[in-house]
Amino acid sequence: MSAETTVDTAASDTDSVIQLTETAAEKVRSFLSDQPDLDDIALRVAVQAGGCAGFRYALFFDDRQLDGDLEEIQHGITIRIDRMSTPYLGGSVIDWKESLEASGFSIENPNSSGSCACGDSATF
């Protein structure tokens, strides 16, 4: 029996730890479009020590499945969250923003008590 938990959240976002918007999912698909083998690739979302405010978000493509990972499928995108990051990310929304100044993923996190001016790190 695997220690990994998989949740298909296509039907209901209320069971999700995080929510990936359709815009963000489209951008993930575009980044992965030139990859030949996508069967094991997931978007890993993590909270790591570091950054101006004490913690920083990490989003990257990963083919590893770690013990205790929570796996969700949203808009056809597999998302993996390690067990240490899960409590920090509950209720977060990941979106893709584009403006004249910058483009990139944004994370709205109701658990964050603050962030730095650069917007890349958070306080919990």
N, C-alpha and C. Protein backbone atom coordinates (compact mmCIF):
# COMPACT_ATOMS: atom_id res chain seq x y z
N MET A 1 0.83 -1.18 0.00
CA MET A 1 0.00 0.00 0.00
C MET A 1 0.88 1.25 0.00
N SER A 2 0.54 2.19 -0.84
CA SER A 2 1.32 3.40 -1.00
C SER A 2 0.97 4.42 0.07
N ALA A 3 1.95 5.21 0.44
CA ALA A 3 1.72 6.27 1.42
C ALA A 3 1.19 7.52 0.75
N GLU A 4 1.09 7.48 -0.58
CA GLU A 4 0.63 8.63 -1.34
C GLU A 4 -0.89 8.67 -1.35
N THR A 5 -1.45 9.84 -1.28
CA THR A 5 -2.89 10.03 -1.34
C THR A 5 -3.23 10.74 -2.63
N THR A 6 -4.14 10.20 -3.43
CA THR A 6 -4.55 10.82 -4.68
C THR A 6 -5.99 11.28 -4.56
N VAL A 7 -6.23 12.52 -4.95
CA VAL A 7 -7.57 13.09 -4.92
C VAL A 7 -7.86 13.64 -6.30
N ASP A 8 -8.94 13.18 -6.94
CA ASP A 8 -9.37 13.75 -8.20
C ASP A 8 -10.37 14.84 -7.88
N THR A 9 -9.96 16.08 -8.09
CA THR A 9 -10.79 17.20 -7.66
C THR A 9 -11.50 17.86 -8.83
N ALA A 10 -11.62 17.14 -9.95
CA ALA A 10 -12.28 17.71 -11.11
C ALA A 10 -13.74 18.05 -10.81
N ALA A 11 -14.40 17.24 -10.01
CA ALA A 11 -15.81 17.45 -9.74
C ALA A 11 -16.05 18.53 -8.69
N SER A 12 -15.15 18.65 -7.72
CA SER A 12 -15.40 19.58 -6.62
C SER A 12 -14.09 20.15 -6.09
N ASP A 13 -14.00 21.48 -6.04
CA ASP A 13 -12.80 22.12 -5.50
C ASP A 13 -12.82 22.16 -3.98
N THR A 14 -13.93 21.79 -3.35
CA THR A 14 -14.02 21.87 -1.90
C THR A 14 -13.13 20.84 -1.21
N ASP A 15 -12.77 19.76 -1.92
CA ASP A 15 -11.92 18.73 -1.34
C ASP A 15 -10.44 19.01 -1.57
N SER A 16 -10.12 20.05 -2.31
CA SER A 16 -8.75 20.35 -2.70
C SER A 16 -7.98 21.04 -1.58
N VAL A 17 -6.70 20.72 -1.49
CA VAL A 17 -5.81 21.47 -0.61
C VAL A 17 -5.56 22.83 -1.24
N ILE A 18 -5.30 22.82 -2.55
CA ILE A 18 -5.09 24.05 -3.30
C ILE A 18 -6.01 24.04 -4.51
N GLN A 19 -6.15 25.20 -5.14
CA GLN A 19 -6.93 25.29 -6.36
C GLN A 19 -6.05 25.85 -7.46
N LEU A 20 -6.00 25.14 -8.58
CA LEU A 20 -5.28 25.58 -9.77
C LEU A 20 -6.32 26.16 -10.73
N THR A 21 -6.16 27.42 -11.11
CA THR A 21 -7.13 28.01 -12.03
C THR A 21 -6.95 27.42 -13.42
N GLU A 22 -7.97 27.57 -14.24
CA GLU A 22 -7.89 27.08 -15.62
C GLU A 22 -6.79 27.82 -16.38
N THR A 23 -6.62 29.11 -16.12
CA THR A 23 -5.55 29.89 -16.76
C THR A 23 -4.18 29.33 -16.41
N ALA A 24 -3.97 29.01 -15.13
CA ALA A 24 -2.69 28.43 -14.71
C ALA A 24 -2.50 27.05 -15.32
N ALA A 25 -3.57 26.26 -15.39
CA ALA A 25 -3.47 24.92 -15.99
C ALA A 25 -3.10 25.01 -17.46
N GLU A 26 -3.67 25.97 -18.17
CA GLU A 26 -3.31 26.15 -19.59
C GLU A 26 -1.84 26.49 -19.74
N LYS A 27 -1.31 27.31 -18.84
CA LYS A 27 0.10 27.68 -18.91
C LYS A 27 0.99 26.48 -18.61
N VAL A 28 0.60 25.66 -17.63
CA VAL A 28 1.36 24.44 -17.32
C VAL A 28 1.38 23.54 -18.55
N ARG A 29 0.22 23.36 -19.19
CA ARG A 29 0.16 22.53 -20.41
C ARG A 29 1.08 23.08 -21.49
N SER A 30 1.13 24.40 -21.65
CA SER A 30 2.00 24.98 -22.68
C SER A 30 3.48 24.74 -22.36
N PHE A 31 3.85 24.80 -21.08
CA PHE A 31 5.24 24.52 -20.69
C PHE A 31 5.60 23.07 -20.96
N LEU A 32 4.63 22.17 -20.81
CA LEU A 32 4.89 20.74 -20.97
C LEU A 32 4.69 20.24 -22.40
N SER A 33 4.24 21.10 -23.30
CA SER A 33 3.86 20.67 -24.64
C SER A 33 5.00 20.04 -25.44
N ASP A 34 6.23 20.40 -25.15
CA ASP A 34 7.35 19.85 -25.91
C ASP A 34 8.02 18.65 -25.21
N GLN A 35 7.42 18.19 -24.12
CA GLN A 35 7.98 17.03 -23.40
C GLN A 35 7.42 15.74 -23.99
N PRO A 36 8.28 14.78 -24.31
CA PRO A 36 7.82 13.56 -24.96
C PRO A 36 7.05 12.60 -24.05
N ASP A 37 7.46 12.46 -22.79
CA ASP A 37 6.84 11.48 -21.91
C ASP A 37 6.33 12.18 -20.66
N LEU A 38 5.02 12.37 -20.58
CA LEU A 38 4.43 13.14 -19.48
C LEU A 38 3.74 12.27 -18.44
N ASP A 39 3.80 10.96 -18.59
CA ASP A 39 3.04 10.07 -17.71
C ASP A 39 3.31 10.30 -16.23
N ASP A 40 4.55 10.52 -15.85
CA ASP A 40 4.89 10.65 -14.43
C ASP A 40 5.16 12.09 -14.00
N ILE A 41 5.05 13.04 -14.92
CA ILE A 41 5.37 14.43 -14.62
C ILE A 41 4.19 15.10 -13.90
N ALA A 42 4.50 15.79 -12.83
CA ALA A 42 3.48 16.54 -12.07
C ALA A 42 4.02 17.92 -11.75
N LEU A 43 3.11 18.84 -11.46
CA LEU A 43 3.50 20.15 -10.94
C LEU A 43 3.63 20.00 -9.44
N ARG A 44 4.85 20.15 -8.94
CA ARG A 44 5.06 20.06 -7.50
C ARG A 44 4.98 21.46 -6.92
N VAL A 45 4.19 21.59 -5.86
CA VAL A 45 4.03 22.86 -5.15
C VAL A 45 4.54 22.64 -3.74
N ALA A 46 5.46 23.51 -3.31
CA ALA A 46 6.07 23.32 -1.99
C ALA A 46 6.29 24.67 -1.31
N VAL A 47 6.40 24.60 0.00
CA VAL A 47 6.82 25.74 0.81
C VAL A 47 8.17 25.36 1.39
N GLN A 48 9.17 26.21 1.17
CA GLN A 48 10.53 25.93 1.63
C GLN A 48 11.05 27.08 2.48
N ALA A 49 11.96 26.77 3.38
CA ALA A 49 12.59 27.81 4.19
C ALA A 49 13.43 28.69 3.28
N GLY A 50 13.39 30.00 3.53
CA GLY A 50 14.19 30.92 2.74
C GLY A 50 13.37 32.13 2.33
N GLY A 51 13.98 32.99 1.55
CA GLY A 51 13.31 34.19 1.09
C GLY A 51 13.37 35.30 2.12
N CYS A 52 12.96 36.47 1.73
CA CYS A 52 13.00 37.66 2.60
C CYS A 52 12.15 37.51 3.84
N ALA A 53 10.98 36.85 3.70
CA ALA A 53 10.01 36.78 4.79
C ALA A 53 10.11 35.49 5.60
N GLY A 54 11.01 34.60 5.23
CA GLY A 54 11.20 33.38 6.01
C GLY A 54 10.86 32.09 5.27
N PHE A 55 9.88 32.15 4.36
CA PHE A 55 9.51 30.99 3.55
C PHE A 55 9.32 31.45 2.11
N ARG A 56 9.51 30.52 1.20
CA ARG A 56 9.27 30.83 -0.20
C ARG A 56 8.51 29.68 -0.84
N TYR A 57 7.79 30.01 -1.88
CA TYR A 57 7.04 29.01 -2.62
C TYR A 57 7.94 28.44 -3.71
N ALA A 58 7.78 27.16 -3.98
CA ALA A 58 8.49 26.51 -5.07
C ALA A 58 7.46 25.79 -5.93
N LEU A 59 7.50 26.04 -7.22
CA LEU A 59 6.68 25.36 -8.20
C LEU A 59 7.63 24.82 -9.27
N PHE A 60 7.59 23.52 -9.48
CA PHE A 60 8.45 22.93 -10.49
C PHE A 60 7.87 21.61 -10.96
N PHE A 61 8.35 21.15 -12.12
CA PHE A 61 7.90 19.88 -12.66
C PHE A 61 8.75 18.77 -12.06
N ASP A 62 8.09 17.70 -11.66
CA ASP A 62 8.77 16.64 -10.92
C ASP A 62 8.19 15.28 -11.32
N ASP A 63 9.08 14.31 -11.51
CA ASP A 63 8.60 12.95 -11.81
C ASP A 63 8.71 12.04 -10.60
N ARG A 64 9.12 12.59 -9.46
CA ARG A 64 9.24 11.79 -8.23
C ARG A 64 7.93 11.75 -7.48
N GLN A 65 7.69 10.65 -6.79
CA GLN A 65 6.58 10.53 -5.87
C GLN A 65 7.18 10.25 -4.50
N LEU A 66 7.08 11.20 -3.61
CA LEU A 66 7.69 11.10 -2.29
C LEU A 66 6.71 10.49 -1.30
N ASP A 67 7.24 9.84 -0.26
CA ASP A 67 6.39 9.30 0.80
C ASP A 67 5.53 10.41 1.39
N GLY A 68 4.26 10.18 1.48
CA GLY A 68 3.36 11.14 2.09
C GLY A 68 2.86 12.23 1.16
N ASP A 69 3.24 12.18 -0.12
CA ASP A 69 2.75 13.18 -1.08
C ASP A 69 1.24 13.16 -1.17
N LEU A 70 0.67 14.33 -1.28
CA LEU A 70 -0.73 14.45 -1.63
C LEU A 70 -0.76 14.73 -3.12
N GLU A 71 -1.53 13.98 -3.87
CA GLU A 71 -1.61 14.17 -5.31
C GLU A 71 -3.04 14.52 -5.68
N GLU A 72 -3.19 15.60 -6.43
CA GLU A 72 -4.49 16.05 -6.90
C GLU A 72 -4.44 16.21 -8.40
N ILE A 73 -5.55 16.00 -9.06
CA ILE A 73 -5.64 16.23 -10.49
C ILE A 73 -6.69 17.31 -10.70
N GLN A 74 -6.25 18.41 -11.31
CA GLN A 74 -7.15 19.53 -11.57
C GLN A 74 -6.95 20.00 -13.00
N HIS A 75 -8.04 20.13 -13.73
CA HIS A 75 -8.00 20.57 -15.12
C HIS A 75 -7.03 19.71 -15.94
N GLY A 76 -6.91 18.44 -15.59
CA GLY A 76 -6.02 17.53 -16.31
C GLY A 76 -4.57 17.62 -15.90
N ILE A 77 -4.24 18.44 -14.92
CA ILE A 77 -2.86 18.61 -14.45
C ILE A 77 -2.71 17.89 -13.12
N THR A 78 -1.68 17.05 -13.01
CA THR A 78 -1.38 16.38 -11.75
C THR A 78 -0.55 17.32 -10.88
N ILE A 79 -0.99 17.51 -9.66
CA ILE A 79 -0.31 18.38 -8.70
C ILE A 79 0.13 17.52 -7.53
N ARG A 80 1.39 17.67 -7.12
CA ARG A 80 1.90 16.95 -5.94
C ARG A 80 2.35 17.96 -4.89
N ILE A 81 1.98 17.67 -3.64
CA ILE A 81 2.36 18.51 -2.51
C ILE A 81 2.95 17.59 -1.45
N ASP A 82 4.14 17.92 -0.98
CA ASP A 82 4.76 17.10 0.07
C ASP A 82 4.03 17.32 1.40
N ARG A 83 4.15 16.34 2.28
CA ARG A 83 3.36 16.39 3.52
C ARG A 83 3.75 17.55 4.44
N MET A 84 4.97 18.04 4.36
CA MET A 84 5.37 19.17 5.21
C MET A 84 4.77 20.49 4.70
N SER A 85 4.53 20.59 3.40
CA SER A 85 3.98 21.83 2.82
C SER A 85 2.46 21.90 2.90
N THR A 86 1.81 20.75 2.99
CA THR A 86 0.34 20.71 2.94
C THR A 86 -0.33 21.66 3.93
N PRO A 87 0.07 21.70 5.22
CA PRO A 87 -0.62 22.61 6.16
C PRO A 87 -0.47 24.09 5.80
N TYR A 88 0.64 24.44 5.17
CA TYR A 88 0.88 25.84 4.80
C TYR A 88 0.06 26.26 3.58
N LEU A 89 -0.30 25.29 2.73
CA LEU A 89 -0.91 25.61 1.44
C LEU A 89 -2.43 25.47 1.41
N GLY A 90 -3.04 24.97 2.46
CA GLY A 90 -4.49 24.74 2.47
C GLY A 90 -5.28 25.98 2.10
N GLY A 91 -6.14 25.85 1.10
CA GLY A 91 -6.98 26.96 0.67
C GLY A 91 -6.33 27.90 -0.33
N SER A 92 -5.09 27.64 -0.73
CA SER A 92 -4.39 28.51 -1.66
C SER A 92 -4.93 28.37 -3.08
N VAL A 93 -4.80 29.46 -3.84
CA VAL A 93 -5.20 29.48 -5.24
C VAL A 93 -3.97 29.84 -6.07
N ILE A 94 -3.66 28.99 -7.05
CA ILE A 94 -2.54 29.24 -7.95
C ILE A 94 -3.11 29.72 -9.28
N ASP A 95 -2.65 30.87 -9.72
CA ASP A 95 -3.12 31.47 -10.96
C ASP A 95 -1.92 31.89 -11.80
N TRP A 96 -2.15 32.19 -13.07
CA TRP A 96 -1.13 32.74 -13.95
C TRP A 96 -1.51 34.19 -14.21
N LYS A 97 -0.59 35.11 -13.97
CA LYS A 97 -0.83 36.54 -14.17
C LYS A 97 0.12 37.05 -15.25
N GLU A 98 -0.41 37.91 -16.11
CA GLU A 98 0.43 38.56 -17.12
C GLU A 98 0.14 40.05 -17.08
N SER A 99 1.22 40.83 -17.06
CA SER A 99 1.09 42.28 -17.09
C SER A 99 2.29 42.85 -17.83
N LEU A 100 2.33 44.14 -17.98
CA LEU A 100 3.47 44.77 -18.64
C LEU A 100 4.75 44.61 -17.84
N GLU A 101 4.61 44.56 -16.50
CA GLU A 101 5.78 44.48 -15.63
C GLU A 101 6.32 43.06 -15.50
N ALA A 102 5.43 42.07 -15.47
CA ALA A 102 5.89 40.71 -15.21
C ALA A 102 4.83 39.69 -15.59
N SER A 103 5.29 38.47 -15.76
CA SER A 103 4.39 37.34 -15.98
C SER A 103 4.85 36.20 -15.10
N GLY A 104 3.90 35.45 -14.57
CA GLY A 104 4.29 34.31 -13.76
C GLY A 104 3.12 33.79 -12.93
N PHE A 105 3.40 32.69 -12.24
CA PHE A 105 2.40 32.11 -11.36
C PHE A 105 2.28 32.97 -10.10
N SER A 106 1.06 33.11 -9.62
CA SER A 106 0.84 33.81 -8.36
C SER A 106 0.10 32.85 -7.43
N ILE A 107 0.39 32.97 -6.15
CA ILE A 107 -0.25 32.13 -5.15
C ILE A 107 -0.93 33.04 -4.14
N GLU A 108 -2.24 32.91 -4.05
CA GLU A 108 -3.01 33.60 -3.02
C GLU A 108 -3.21 32.60 -1.89
N ASN A 109 -2.61 32.89 -0.74
CA ASN A 109 -2.60 31.93 0.36
C ASN A 109 -3.24 32.54 1.61
N PRO A 110 -4.39 32.00 2.03
CA PRO A 110 -5.05 32.54 3.22
C PRO A 110 -4.31 32.26 4.52
N ASN A 111 -3.32 31.36 4.49
CA ASN A 111 -2.55 31.01 5.69
C ASN A 111 -1.38 31.94 5.93
N SER A 112 -1.02 32.73 4.94
CA SER A 112 0.12 33.62 5.05
C SER A 112 -0.24 34.84 5.88
N SER A 113 0.61 35.16 6.83
CA SER A 113 0.37 36.34 7.66
C SER A 113 1.09 37.57 7.13
N GLY A 114 1.88 37.41 6.08
CA GLY A 114 2.58 38.53 5.49
C GLY A 114 3.49 38.07 4.37
N SER A 115 4.03 39.03 3.64
CA SER A 115 4.98 38.72 2.58
C SER A 115 5.95 39.88 2.44
N CYS A 116 6.99 39.66 1.67
CA CYS A 116 7.97 40.72 1.49
C CYS A 116 7.57 41.58 0.29
N ALA A 117 8.28 42.64 0.06
CA ALA A 117 7.96 43.56 -1.04
C ALA A 117 8.13 42.90 -2.40
N CYS A 118 9.04 41.93 -2.52
CA CYS A 118 9.25 41.30 -3.82
C CYS A 118 8.13 40.34 -4.17
N GLY A 119 7.35 39.91 -3.19
CA GLY A 119 6.22 39.03 -3.44
C GLY A 119 6.57 37.56 -3.63
N ASP A 120 7.84 37.22 -3.47
CA ASP A 120 8.27 35.84 -3.69
C ASP A 120 8.35 35.01 -2.42
N SER A 121 8.13 35.63 -1.27
CA SER A 121 8.20 34.86 -0.04
C SER A 121 7.08 35.27 0.91
N ALA A 122 6.88 34.42 1.92
CA ALA A 122 5.75 34.62 2.81
C ALA A 122 6.12 34.33 4.26
N THR A 123 5.32 34.85 5.17
CA THR A 123 5.44 34.58 6.60
C THR A 123 4.21 33.79 7.02
N PHE A 124 4.43 32.79 7.89
CA PHE A 124 3.31 31.99 8.39
C PHE A 124 3.26 32.07 9.90
